[in-house]
Each structure stands twice: as structure tokens, then as C-alpha cells.
């Protein structure tokens, strides 16, 4: 997590006793999903000094993804065959929030978690990966 103070590019400082990861209680899971990092746990480092937040010390939201594919080939005649195929991506439809990482190491073309302390959106998740996607196909072999 980087933060600019004037011309110095330093790391943030952690407030003692504060939890860096925002915790929601009870039915406030929606707020927890949006505000992943607690902004009250950090202060800017003084100019000319280094902050104490280590590189990659905070992790973004985890990812749960289950993909399924089913296919079946039917013999119509000796010459013709028909393949029916169904594929489901993220079949359990779990919300996978973007936490500063790209899927499968690709370059992210979407907003990730905001790590600018002076922004009102600091520590908030800005987007999510794709929801459940289904596709079906029929193929004729001749």
C-alpha cells in the first residue's frame, strides 16, 4: 500500500491498537464487503520518514470459483453424431470482489481496491468479478 506525501513516496503508518481490516457485525455484511480496509487504522507518514506498513501486508478479499462443464455425444447414424454441451462458470454465484489482484495473472482493466488514504473511497472494494455465466452448445459431426 503506497501513499504520496509531497515529493516523498512512502508507506503509511499503522495506528497502534487499530484493526487494519474493517470488521462488520451482525447483518452489516454489505458494508464489510465495500469497506475492506479500516481507514481509521492508518495515518500518513511524516514527510521525510518511512511508514511502518510492510509491502503486501494486507490481503484483499478471497476468491471462490467453481466451474462445471458437461458434454454428451449422441450417435444419430453411422455417419452423423451430435454433441450437446453445457458449461457453467462461477456456478455457486459467489461474489468475488476485486482486491488489487487480476484474475489468472492478467492485466486488470477494471478498478481495484482504492489505497489512496486521502480519498473518501480508501480501502473500499471498487468492483467484482463476473457473476454466474451459463452457456450451451450443440455440435454436429459429419
C-alpha atoms as a PDB file:
ATOM      1  CA  UNK A   1       0.000   0.000   0.000  1.00  0.00           C
ATOM      2  CA  UNK A   2       1.620   3.260  -1.140  1.00  0.00           C
ATOM      3  CA  UNK A   3       0.784   6.839  -0.248  1.00  0.00           C
ATOM      4  CA  UNK A   4       2.318  10.075  -1.534  1.00  0.00           C
ATOM      5  CA  UNK A   5       3.232  12.870   0.857  1.00  0.00           C
ATOM      6  CA  UNK A   6       4.550  15.826  -1.127  1.00  0.00           C
ATOM      7  CA  UNK A   7       7.518  14.564  -3.133  1.00  0.00           C
ATOM      8  CA  UNK A   8       8.175  11.641  -0.781  1.00  0.00           C
ATOM      9  CA  UNK A   9       6.715   8.300  -1.825  1.00  0.00           C
ATOM     10  CA  UNK A  10       6.426   6.432   1.456  1.00  0.00           C
ATOM     11  CA  UNK A  11       4.271   3.874   3.187  1.00  0.00           C
ATOM     12  CA  UNK A  12       1.502   4.580   5.666  1.00  0.00           C
ATOM     13  CA  UNK A  13       1.847   4.270   9.427  1.00  0.00           C
ATOM     14  CA  UNK A  14      -0.441   1.975  11.425  1.00  0.00           C
ATOM     15  CA  UNK A  15      -2.282   3.421  14.432  1.00  0.00           C
ATOM     16  CA  UNK A  16      -1.449   1.305  17.477  1.00  0.00           C
ATOM     17  CA  UNK A  17      -4.312  -0.930  18.625  1.00  0.00           C
ATOM     18  CA  UNK A  18      -6.394  -0.378  15.476  1.00  0.00           C
ATOM     19  CA  UNK A  19      -7.574  -3.244  13.272  1.00  0.00           C
ATOM     20  CA  UNK A  20      -6.385  -2.722   9.672  1.00  0.00           C
ATOM     21  CA  UNK A  21      -9.163  -4.913   8.255  1.00  0.00           C
ATOM     22  CA  UNK A  22     -12.671  -3.494   8.741  1.00  0.00           C
ATOM     23  CA  UNK A  23     -14.954  -5.809  10.707  1.00  0.00           C
ATOM     24  CA  UNK A  24     -18.727  -5.694  10.348  1.00  0.00           C
ATOM     25  CA  UNK A  25     -21.048  -7.097  12.956  1.00  0.00           C
ATOM     26  CA  UNK A  26     -24.364  -8.880  12.511  1.00  0.00           C
ATOM     27  CA  UNK A  27     -26.242  -8.121   9.315  1.00  0.00           C
ATOM     28  CA  UNK A  28     -23.803  -5.457   8.171  1.00  0.00           C
ATOM     29  CA  UNK A  29     -22.000  -7.732   5.701  1.00  0.00           C
ATOM     30  CA  UNK A  30     -22.708  -5.344   2.803  1.00  0.00           C
ATOM     31  CA  UNK A  31     -20.729  -2.561   4.481  1.00  0.00           C
ATOM     32  CA  UNK A  32     -17.929  -5.059   5.250  1.00  0.00           C
ATOM     33  CA  UNK A  33     -17.759  -6.018   1.575  1.00  0.00           C
ATOM     34  CA  UNK A  34     -17.445  -2.385   0.483  1.00  0.00           C
ATOM     35  CA  UNK A  35     -15.108  -1.103   3.225  1.00  0.00           C
ATOM     36  CA  UNK A  36     -12.457  -3.834   3.284  1.00  0.00           C
ATOM     37  CA  UNK A  37      -9.640  -1.797   4.913  1.00  0.00           C
ATOM     38  CA  UNK A  38     -10.302   0.328   8.008  1.00  0.00           C
ATOM     39  CA  UNK A  39      -9.249   3.930   7.185  1.00  0.00           C
ATOM     40  CA  UNK A  40      -9.031   4.816  10.911  1.00  0.00           C
ATOM     41  CA  UNK A  41      -6.160   2.328  11.304  1.00  0.00           C
ATOM     42  CA  UNK A  42      -3.731   4.352   9.171  1.00  0.00           C
ATOM     43  CA  UNK A  43      -2.178   7.817   9.184  1.00  0.00           C
ATOM     44  CA  UNK A  44       0.150   9.378   6.612  1.00  0.00           C
ATOM     45  CA  UNK A  45       3.835   9.139   7.349  1.00  0.00           C
ATOM     46  CA  UNK A  46       5.555  12.428   8.239  1.00  0.00           C
ATOM     47  CA  UNK A  47       7.484  13.982   5.370  1.00  0.00           C
ATOM     48  CA  UNK A  48      10.972  12.540   5.088  1.00  0.00           C
ATOM     49  CA  UNK A  49      10.205   9.413   7.120  1.00  0.00           C
ATOM     50  CA  UNK A  50       9.244   5.868   6.217  1.00  0.00           C
ATOM     51  CA  UNK A  51       5.936   4.341   7.241  1.00  0.00           C
ATOM     52  CA  UNK A  52       5.679   1.013   9.032  1.00  0.00           C
ATOM     53  CA  UNK A  53       3.199  -0.825   6.799  1.00  0.00           C
ATOM     54  CA  UNK A  54       5.036  -3.666   5.106  1.00  0.00           C
ATOM     55  CA  UNK A  55       4.750  -4.459   1.428  1.00  0.00           C
ATOM     56  CA  UNK A  56       1.810  -6.821   0.767  1.00  0.00           C
ATOM     57  CA  UNK A  57       0.987  -6.889   4.482  1.00  0.00           C
ATOM     58  CA  UNK A  58      -2.774  -6.673   3.860  1.00  0.00           C
ATOM     59  CA  UNK A  59      -4.686  -9.095   1.694  1.00  0.00           C
ATOM     60  CA  UNK A  60      -7.794  -8.313  -0.293  1.00  0.00           C
ATOM     61  CA  UNK A  61     -10.951 -10.399  -0.388  1.00  0.00           C
ATOM     62  CA  UNK A  62     -10.538 -14.086  -1.198  1.00  0.00           C
ATOM     63  CA  UNK A  63     -11.894 -15.772  -4.293  1.00  0.00           C
ATOM     64  CA  UNK A  64     -14.149 -18.828  -4.511  1.00  0.00           C
ATOM     65  CA  UNK A  65     -14.825 -20.077  -8.011  1.00  0.00           C
ATOM     66  CA  UNK A  66     -16.388 -23.346  -9.215  1.00  0.00           C
ATOM     67  CA  UNK A  67     -16.678 -24.066 -12.947  1.00  0.00           C
ATOM     68  CA  UNK A  68     -18.563 -27.068 -14.384  1.00  0.00           C
ATOM     69  CA  UNK A  69     -18.786 -28.494 -17.904  1.00  0.00           C
ATOM     70  CA  UNK A  70     -20.972 -31.383 -19.059  1.00  0.00           C
ATOM     71  CA  UNK A  71     -20.998 -32.883 -22.531  1.00  0.00           C
ATOM     72  CA  UNK A  72     -22.544 -35.880 -24.225  1.00  0.00           C
ATOM     73  CA  UNK A  73     -22.145 -37.246 -27.738  1.00  0.00           C
ATOM     74  CA  UNK A  74     -25.197 -38.907 -29.277  1.00  0.00           C
ATOM     75  CA  UNK A  75     -24.869 -41.213 -32.294  1.00  0.00           C
ATOM     76  CA  UNK A  76     -27.604 -40.338 -34.794  1.00  0.00           C
ATOM     77  CA  UNK A  77     -26.485 -42.535 -37.653  1.00  0.00           C
ATOM     78  CA  UNK A  78     -23.218 -44.201 -38.542  1.00  0.00           C
ATOM     79  CA  UNK A  79     -22.101 -41.007 -40.241  1.00  0.00           C
ATOM     80  CA  UNK A  80     -23.673 -38.281 -38.058  1.00  0.00           C
ATOM     81  CA  UNK A  81     -23.089 -37.542 -34.375  1.00  0.00           C
ATOM     82  CA  UNK A  82     -24.485 -34.761 -32.190  1.00  0.00           C
ATOM     83  CA  UNK A  83     -22.602 -33.298 -29.238  1.00  0.00           C
ATOM     84  CA  UNK A  84     -24.571 -31.433 -26.557  1.00  0.00           C
ATOM     85  CA  UNK A  85     -22.516 -29.305 -24.179  1.00  0.00           C
ATOM     86  CA  UNK A  86     -23.396 -27.159 -21.150  1.00  0.00           C
ATOM     87  CA  UNK A  87     -20.869 -25.029 -19.238  1.00  0.00           C
ATOM     88  CA  UNK A  88     -21.324 -23.002 -16.064  1.00  0.00           C
ATOM     89  CA  UNK A  89     -18.765 -20.540 -14.748  1.00  0.00           C
ATOM     90  CA  UNK A  90     -18.965 -19.477 -11.063  1.00  0.00           C
ATOM     91  CA  UNK A  91     -21.847 -21.932 -10.684  1.00  0.00           C
ATOM     92  CA  UNK A  92     -22.352 -21.185  -6.974  1.00  0.00           C
ATOM     93  CA  UNK A  93     -22.658 -17.473  -7.867  1.00  0.00           C
ATOM     94  CA  UNK A  94     -20.311 -16.388  -5.065  1.00  0.00           C
ATOM     95  CA  UNK A  95     -19.490 -12.673  -5.070  1.00  0.00           C
ATOM     96  CA  UNK A  96     -15.747 -12.431  -5.786  1.00  0.00           C
ATOM     97  CA  UNK A  97     -14.620  -8.884  -5.092  1.00  0.00           C
ATOM     98  CA  UNK A  98     -11.577  -7.350  -6.749  1.00  0.00           C
ATOM     99  CA  UNK A  99      -8.909  -6.794  -4.113  1.00  0.00           C
ATOM    100  CA  UNK A 100      -5.950  -5.417  -6.014  1.00  0.00           C
ATOM    101  CA  UNK A 101      -5.293  -8.619  -7.965  1.00  0.00           C
ATOM    102  CA  UNK A 102      -6.017  -9.633 -11.535  1.00  0.00           C
ATOM    103  CA  UNK A 103      -7.630 -12.938 -12.425  1.00  0.00           C
ATOM    104  CA  UNK A 104      -5.102 -15.568 -13.576  1.00  0.00           C
ATOM    105  CA  UNK A 105      -2.289 -13.003 -13.656  1.00  0.00           C
ATOM    106  CA  UNK A 106      -3.827 -10.929 -16.466  1.00  0.00           C
ATOM    107  CA  UNK A 107      -3.592  -7.157 -16.574  1.00  0.00           C
ATOM    108  CA  UNK A 108      -6.560  -5.629 -14.756  1.00  0.00           C
ATOM    109  CA  UNK A 109      -8.709  -3.426 -16.968  1.00  0.00           C
ATOM    110  CA  UNK A 110     -11.099  -2.627 -14.119  1.00  0.00           C
ATOM    111  CA  UNK A 111     -10.942  -0.687 -10.861  1.00  0.00           C
ATOM    112  CA  UNK A 112      -9.290  -2.437  -7.929  1.00  0.00           C
ATOM    113  CA  UNK A 113      -9.286  -1.575  -4.234  1.00  0.00           C
ATOM    114  CA  UNK A 114      -8.589   2.104  -3.536  1.00  0.00           C
ATOM    115  CA  UNK A 115      -5.385   2.557  -1.481  1.00  0.00           C
ATOM    116  CA  UNK A 116      -5.158   6.363  -1.537  1.00  0.00           C
ATOM    117  CA  UNK A 117      -5.583   7.479   2.109  1.00  0.00           C
ATOM    118  CA  UNK A 118      -6.720  10.982   1.139  1.00  0.00           C
ATOM    119  CA  UNK A 119      -9.608   9.545  -0.911  1.00  0.00           C
ATOM    120  CA  UNK A 120     -13.064   9.069   0.596  1.00  0.00           C
ATOM    121  CA  UNK A 121     -13.076   5.595  -1.004  1.00  0.00           C
ATOM    122  CA  UNK A 122      -9.884   4.415   0.782  1.00  0.00           C
ATOM    123  CA  UNK A 123      -9.987   0.668   1.429  1.00  0.00           C
ATOM    124  CA  UNK A 124     -13.225   0.196  -0.447  1.00  0.00           C
ATOM    125  CA  UNK A 125     -13.712  -2.538  -2.985  1.00  0.00           C
ATOM    126  CA  UNK A 126     -14.460  -0.883  -6.321  1.00  0.00           C
ATOM    127  CA  UNK A 127     -15.750  -3.821  -8.381  1.00  0.00           C
ATOM    128  CA  UNK A 128     -16.387  -7.552  -8.543  1.00  0.00           C
ATOM    129  CA  UNK A 129     -15.554 -10.359 -10.944  1.00  0.00           C
ATOM    130  CA  UNK A 130     -18.195 -11.864 -13.233  1.00  0.00           C
ATOM    131  CA  UNK A 131     -21.356 -13.430 -11.781  1.00  0.00           C
ATOM    132  CA  UNK A 132     -22.634 -16.878 -12.776  1.00  0.00           C
ATOM    133  CA  UNK A 133     -22.396 -17.421 -16.523  1.00  0.00           C
ATOM    134  CA  UNK A 134     -24.068 -20.280 -18.402  1.00  0.00           C
ATOM    135  CA  UNK A 135     -23.505 -21.336 -21.992  1.00  0.00           C
ATOM    136  CA  UNK A 136     -24.935 -24.136 -24.088  1.00  0.00           C
ATOM    137  CA  UNK A 137     -23.793 -25.570 -27.408  1.00  0.00           C
ATOM    138  CA  UNK A 138     -24.788 -28.184 -29.974  1.00  0.00           C
ATOM    139  CA  UNK A 139     -22.287 -29.515 -32.492  1.00  0.00           C
ATOM    140  CA  UNK A 140     -22.987 -31.838 -35.421  1.00  0.00           C
ATOM    141  CA  UNK A 141     -20.188 -34.129 -36.640  1.00  0.00           C
ATOM    142  CA  UNK A 142     -20.440 -35.468 -40.200  1.00  0.00           C
END
